[in-house]
């Protein structure tokens, strides 16, 4: 008997990577995100804002506001909520 006949069927076929595990696809997605971000920054010059408070009409305000808000939420979750909802390692072993 030949060696190929002794192996199970799934051992002869190499495992294929998923589409997000391939480096070329990750690179394409990253470049697509860069292009979308650049377009949005350029559109910020063209869009007329009806500023309610004055400072919210500045260039890049909403991007900075969103970034600062996201960082704030992560920090509150990590240092504010974690001590409240954290359980000991053997919580479920009882």
N, C-alpha and C. Protein backbone atom coordinates (compact mmCIF):
# COMPACT_ATOMS: atom_id res chain seq x y z
N UNK A 1 0.83 -1.19 0.00
CA UNK A 1 0.00 0.00 0.00
C UNK A 1 0.87 1.24 0.00
N UNK A 2 0.42 2.20 -0.72
CA UNK A 2 1.17 3.45 -0.75
C UNK A 2 0.86 4.27 0.49
N UNK A 3 1.76 5.19 0.81
CA UNK A 3 1.61 5.99 2.01
C UNK A 3 0.40 6.93 1.94
N UNK A 4 0.06 7.44 0.74
CA UNK A 4 -1.08 8.35 0.59
C UNK A 4 -2.40 7.66 0.95
N UNK A 5 -2.47 6.34 0.71
CA UNK A 5 -3.69 5.61 0.99
C UNK A 5 -3.90 5.39 2.49
N UNK A 6 -2.84 5.45 3.29
CA UNK A 6 -2.95 5.23 4.72
C UNK A 6 -3.40 6.48 5.47
N UNK A 7 -3.22 7.63 4.87
CA UNK A 7 -3.58 8.88 5.54
C UNK A 7 -5.09 9.11 5.42
N UNK A 8 -5.70 9.72 6.44
CA UNK A 8 -7.12 10.09 6.29
C UNK A 8 -7.27 11.18 5.23
N UNK A 9 -8.48 11.31 4.73
CA UNK A 9 -8.73 12.25 3.64
C UNK A 9 -8.40 13.69 4.01
N UNK A 10 -8.72 14.10 5.23
CA UNK A 10 -8.51 15.49 5.60
C UNK A 10 -7.03 15.80 5.85
N UNK A 11 -6.18 14.79 6.07
CA UNK A 11 -4.75 15.03 6.30
C UNK A 11 -4.03 15.35 5.00
N UNK A 12 -4.54 14.90 3.87
CA UNK A 12 -3.88 15.14 2.59
C UNK A 12 -4.10 16.57 2.11
N UNK A 13 -5.18 17.20 2.55
CA UNK A 13 -5.50 18.55 2.10
C UNK A 13 -4.95 19.56 3.10
N UNK A 14 -4.10 20.47 2.66
CA UNK A 14 -3.60 21.48 3.60
C UNK A 14 -4.72 22.45 3.99
N UNK A 15 -4.65 22.90 5.22
CA UNK A 15 -5.68 23.81 5.72
C UNK A 15 -5.54 25.16 5.03
N UNK A 16 -6.64 25.68 4.53
CA UNK A 16 -6.62 26.98 3.87
C UNK A 16 -6.90 28.06 4.89
N UNK A 17 -6.21 29.19 4.72
CA UNK A 17 -6.43 30.32 5.60
C UNK A 17 -7.73 31.03 5.22
N UNK A 18 -8.36 31.62 6.22
CA UNK A 18 -9.54 32.43 5.95
C UNK A 18 -9.14 33.71 5.22
N UNK A 19 -10.10 34.40 4.65
CA UNK A 19 -9.77 35.57 3.83
C UNK A 19 -9.19 36.70 4.66
N UNK A 20 -9.51 36.78 5.96
CA UNK A 20 -8.93 37.82 6.80
C UNK A 20 -7.57 37.44 7.36
N UNK A 21 -7.19 36.19 7.23
CA UNK A 21 -5.88 35.75 7.72
C UNK A 21 -4.79 35.94 6.68
N UNK A 22 -5.17 36.22 5.44
CA UNK A 22 -4.18 36.43 4.38
C UNK A 22 -3.69 37.88 4.41
N UNK A 23 -2.38 38.04 4.38
CA UNK A 23 -1.76 39.36 4.54
C UNK A 23 -2.20 40.34 3.45
N UNK A 24 -2.35 39.88 2.22
CA UNK A 24 -2.73 40.80 1.15
C UNK A 24 -4.13 41.37 1.35
N UNK A 25 -5.04 40.59 1.92
CA UNK A 25 -6.39 41.09 2.18
C UNK A 25 -6.40 42.08 3.33
N UNK A 26 -5.61 41.83 4.36
CA UNK A 26 -5.51 42.77 5.48
C UNK A 26 -4.94 44.10 5.00
N UNK A 27 -3.95 44.04 4.12
CA UNK A 27 -3.36 45.25 3.56
C UNK A 27 -4.39 46.02 2.73
N UNK A 28 -5.18 45.32 1.95
CA UNK A 28 -6.22 45.98 1.13
C UNK A 28 -7.26 46.67 2.02
N UNK A 29 -7.66 46.02 3.10
CA UNK A 29 -8.64 46.61 4.01
C UNK A 29 -8.06 47.84 4.69
N UNK A 30 -6.81 47.77 5.11
CA UNK A 30 -6.17 48.92 5.75
C UNK A 30 -6.09 50.10 4.79
N UNK A 31 -5.70 49.85 3.56
CA UNK A 31 -5.63 50.94 2.57
C UNK A 31 -7.01 51.50 2.27
N UNK A 32 -8.02 50.66 2.22
CA UNK A 32 -9.38 51.15 1.99
C UNK A 32 -9.82 52.06 3.14
N UNK A 33 -9.48 51.70 4.37
CA UNK A 33 -9.82 52.55 5.52
C UNK A 33 -9.06 53.87 5.46
N UNK A 34 -7.78 53.84 5.04
CA UNK A 34 -7.01 55.08 4.89
C UNK A 34 -7.65 56.00 3.86
N UNK A 35 -8.09 55.42 2.75
CA UNK A 35 -8.71 56.23 1.69
C UNK A 35 -10.02 56.84 2.18
N UNK A 36 -10.83 56.06 2.88
CA UNK A 36 -12.10 56.57 3.40
C UNK A 36 -11.85 57.69 4.40
N UNK A 37 -10.86 57.53 5.28
CA UNK A 37 -10.53 58.58 6.25
C UNK A 37 -10.05 59.84 5.55
N UNK A 38 -9.22 59.70 4.51
CA UNK A 38 -8.73 60.86 3.78
C UNK A 38 -9.88 61.59 3.08
N UNK A 39 -10.81 60.83 2.51
CA UNK A 39 -11.97 61.45 1.85
C UNK A 39 -12.82 62.21 2.86
N UNK A 40 -13.01 61.63 4.03
CA UNK A 40 -13.81 62.30 5.06
C UNK A 40 -13.14 63.58 5.56
N UNK A 41 -11.81 63.56 5.67
CA UNK A 41 -11.09 64.77 6.08
C UNK A 41 -11.23 65.84 5.00
N UNK A 42 -11.12 65.46 3.74
CA UNK A 42 -11.28 66.43 2.65
C UNK A 42 -12.70 66.97 2.58
N UNK A 43 -13.67 66.13 2.85
CA UNK A 43 -15.06 66.59 2.84
C UNK A 43 -15.34 67.57 3.98
N UNK A 44 -14.54 67.51 5.02
CA UNK A 44 -14.71 68.44 6.14
C UNK A 44 -14.47 69.88 5.70
N UNK A 45 -13.66 70.08 4.66
CA UNK A 45 -13.45 71.42 4.11
C UNK A 45 -14.66 71.92 3.33
N UNK A 46 -15.41 71.00 2.73
CA UNK A 46 -16.49 71.37 1.82
C UNK A 46 -17.85 71.51 2.50
N UNK A 47 -18.04 70.85 3.59
CA UNK A 47 -19.35 70.83 4.24
C UNK A 47 -19.52 72.06 5.12
N UNK A 48 -20.63 72.76 4.91
CA UNK A 48 -20.94 73.91 5.77
C UNK A 48 -21.68 73.40 7.00
N UNK A 49 -21.16 73.74 8.15
CA UNK A 49 -21.77 73.29 9.40
C UNK A 49 -22.61 74.42 10.00
N UNK A 50 -23.72 74.06 10.55
CA UNK A 50 -24.55 75.01 11.29
C UNK A 50 -24.20 74.85 12.76
N UNK A 51 -23.15 75.53 13.15
CA UNK A 51 -22.61 75.36 14.50
C UNK A 51 -23.57 75.96 15.53
N UNK A 52 -23.87 75.18 16.53
CA UNK A 52 -24.75 75.63 17.61
C UNK A 52 -23.99 76.40 18.67
N UNK A 53 -22.77 75.95 18.99
CA UNK A 53 -22.01 76.55 20.08
C UNK A 53 -20.84 77.40 19.59
N UNK A 54 -20.54 77.37 18.32
CA UNK A 54 -19.41 78.12 17.79
C UNK A 54 -18.18 77.26 17.60
N UNK A 55 -17.73 76.60 18.65
CA UNK A 55 -16.54 75.77 18.55
C UNK A 55 -16.79 74.47 17.79
N UNK A 56 -18.04 74.04 17.69
CA UNK A 56 -18.32 72.79 16.97
C UNK A 56 -18.29 72.97 15.46
N UNK A 57 -18.05 74.16 14.98
CA UNK A 57 -17.88 74.40 13.56
C UNK A 57 -16.44 74.34 13.12
N UNK A 58 -15.51 74.16 14.05
CA UNK A 58 -14.08 74.10 13.72
C UNK A 58 -13.74 72.84 12.95
N UNK A 59 -12.65 72.93 12.20
CA UNK A 59 -12.18 71.81 11.40
C UNK A 59 -11.78 70.65 12.31
N UNK A 60 -12.29 69.46 12.03
CA UNK A 60 -11.92 68.26 12.76
C UNK A 60 -12.53 68.11 14.14
N UNK A 61 -13.49 68.96 14.48
CA UNK A 61 -14.06 68.91 15.82
C UNK A 61 -14.73 67.57 16.10
N UNK A 62 -15.54 67.10 15.17
CA UNK A 62 -16.30 65.87 15.42
C UNK A 62 -15.40 64.63 15.46
N UNK A 63 -14.35 64.62 14.68
CA UNK A 63 -13.38 63.52 14.75
C UNK A 63 -12.67 63.49 16.09
N UNK A 64 -12.22 64.66 16.55
CA UNK A 64 -11.54 64.74 17.85
C UNK A 64 -12.51 64.42 18.98
N UNK A 65 -13.72 64.91 18.87
CA UNK A 65 -14.74 64.64 19.89
C UNK A 65 -15.03 63.14 20.00
N UNK A 66 -15.14 62.47 18.86
CA UNK A 66 -15.38 61.03 18.85
C UNK A 66 -14.20 60.25 19.42
N UNK A 67 -12.98 60.67 19.06
CA UNK A 67 -11.79 59.97 19.57
C UNK A 67 -11.67 60.14 21.08
N UNK A 68 -11.83 61.37 21.57
CA UNK A 68 -11.74 61.62 23.01
C UNK A 68 -12.85 60.89 23.76
N UNK A 69 -14.05 60.87 23.18
CA UNK A 69 -15.15 60.14 23.81
C UNK A 69 -14.89 58.64 23.89
N UNK A 70 -14.30 58.07 22.84
CA UNK A 70 -13.98 56.63 22.84
C UNK A 70 -12.92 56.31 23.88
N UNK A 71 -11.89 57.13 23.95
CA UNK A 71 -10.83 56.91 24.95
C UNK A 71 -11.42 57.03 26.35
N UNK A 72 -12.28 58.01 26.56
CA UNK A 72 -12.91 58.19 27.86
C UNK A 72 -13.73 56.96 28.25
N UNK A 73 -14.51 56.42 27.31
CA UNK A 73 -15.32 55.23 27.61
C UNK A 73 -14.46 54.02 27.95
N UNK A 74 -13.35 53.84 27.24
CA UNK A 74 -12.47 52.72 27.53
C UNK A 74 -11.86 52.87 28.92
N UNK A 75 -11.42 54.07 29.27
CA UNK A 75 -10.83 54.29 30.58
C UNK A 75 -11.85 54.11 31.70
N UNK A 76 -13.07 54.58 31.50
CA UNK A 76 -14.12 54.39 32.51
C UNK A 76 -14.43 52.90 32.69
N UNK A 77 -14.48 52.17 31.58
CA UNK A 77 -14.75 50.74 31.67
C UNK A 77 -13.62 50.00 32.38
N UNK A 78 -12.39 50.40 32.08
CA UNK A 78 -11.24 49.69 32.65
C UNK A 78 -11.03 50.00 34.12
N UNK A 79 -11.10 51.28 34.48
CA UNK A 79 -10.77 51.67 35.85
C UNK A 79 -12.00 51.94 36.72
N UNK A 80 -13.14 52.17 36.13
CA UNK A 80 -14.34 52.45 36.91
C UNK A 80 -15.25 51.25 37.08
N UNK A 81 -15.50 50.54 35.99
CA UNK A 81 -16.44 49.42 36.05
C UNK A 81 -15.78 48.09 36.40
N UNK A 82 -14.53 47.92 36.01
CA UNK A 82 -13.87 46.64 36.27
C UNK A 82 -13.84 46.26 37.75
N UNK A 83 -13.49 47.18 38.66
CA UNK A 83 -13.50 46.79 40.08
C UNK A 83 -14.89 46.43 40.58
N UNK A 84 -15.93 46.95 39.97
CA UNK A 84 -17.29 46.69 40.42
C UNK A 84 -17.77 45.31 39.95
N UNK A 85 -17.51 44.96 38.70
CA UNK A 85 -18.06 43.73 38.14
C UNK A 85 -17.08 42.57 38.12
N UNK A 86 -15.83 42.80 38.49
CA UNK A 86 -14.82 41.74 38.46
C UNK A 86 -15.09 40.70 39.54
N UNK A 87 -14.88 39.45 39.19
CA UNK A 87 -15.06 38.34 40.12
C UNK A 87 -13.72 37.65 40.34
N UNK A 88 -13.60 36.94 41.42
CA UNK A 88 -12.37 36.21 41.70
C UNK A 88 -12.23 35.04 40.72
N UNK A 89 -11.04 34.47 40.66
CA UNK A 89 -10.78 33.38 39.72
C UNK A 89 -11.61 32.15 40.01
N UNK A 90 -11.89 31.87 41.27
CA UNK A 90 -12.64 30.67 41.61
C UNK A 90 -14.12 30.95 41.86
N UNK A 91 -14.64 32.00 41.25
CA UNK A 91 -16.03 32.38 41.46
C UNK A 91 -16.99 31.28 41.04
N UNK A 92 -16.73 30.63 39.91
CA UNK A 92 -17.62 29.61 39.40
C UNK A 92 -17.29 28.20 39.91
N UNK A 93 -16.22 28.06 40.66
CA UNK A 93 -15.81 26.73 41.16
C UNK A 93 -16.60 26.30 42.40
N UNK A 94 -17.28 27.17 43.04
CA UNK A 94 -18.00 26.84 44.29
C UNK A 94 -19.12 25.86 44.08
